[in-house]
């Protein structure tokens, strides 16, 4: 919380014309961190991801991503329980067991082929279910787009995810690096669209916030009240 307070103070000192003052009041600060992250991505992550994508066939790439996605079961399960979705938590457990056994450790997503739903839940979503719906947009160094709510939620993620646990307990960063590289390779098709955008920062921010609304409301976010917007304009 102290770190967030320091961030807020730093953001307040950044004069800028905000493109979305309601959701992104710290835009001046966020843009600086965004530029830093894009520089790191251009210098390190993207070249490594392109090299990986070039030498690794598509099918094994999907298998590795399936493996890491399957490992997120503890995060999904705990947050489904915290949200009171006990039936969904059992369904997610069944999905995990199916992919871990028949799917050979999760490399093959047998559950999705069988029509089993995939619940991607985190503590940021749980906080939203508990009532913290609106939260300021915040770009983190290296970690990228978040909100204040989702930043606090990430602190729980590290204690539940097997990769984070392994890194912390064994001081071995290999699984984390592999996970990061494969994830960045999966996002390579989006690079052209981002680079072609008039303002890549706004594009990434708006896509992230819309995606989070979609996840929080389980694919059915509330529609915009255009009548209220017209009343405010008048």
Foldseek 3Di string as FASTA:
>chain_A
DVVVVVLVVVLVPQDDDDPDCQQAVSVRVQVVLVVVLVVCCVVPQVVLLVVCPVVDDPLQLLLLLQLQLLLLLQQQLVLCVLLVNNVVSVLSVVQSVCCCPVVVNRSDNVCVVVVRDHQDDFVLLSVVSVPCVGFHWHQDRPVGTDTPSVVVRVVVSLVGGPLSVCCVPVVDCVVVVVNSSSVVNVCVVCVVVLVPDPHSVVVVHVVVVVVSQCNSVVNDHDDDPVVVVVVVVD
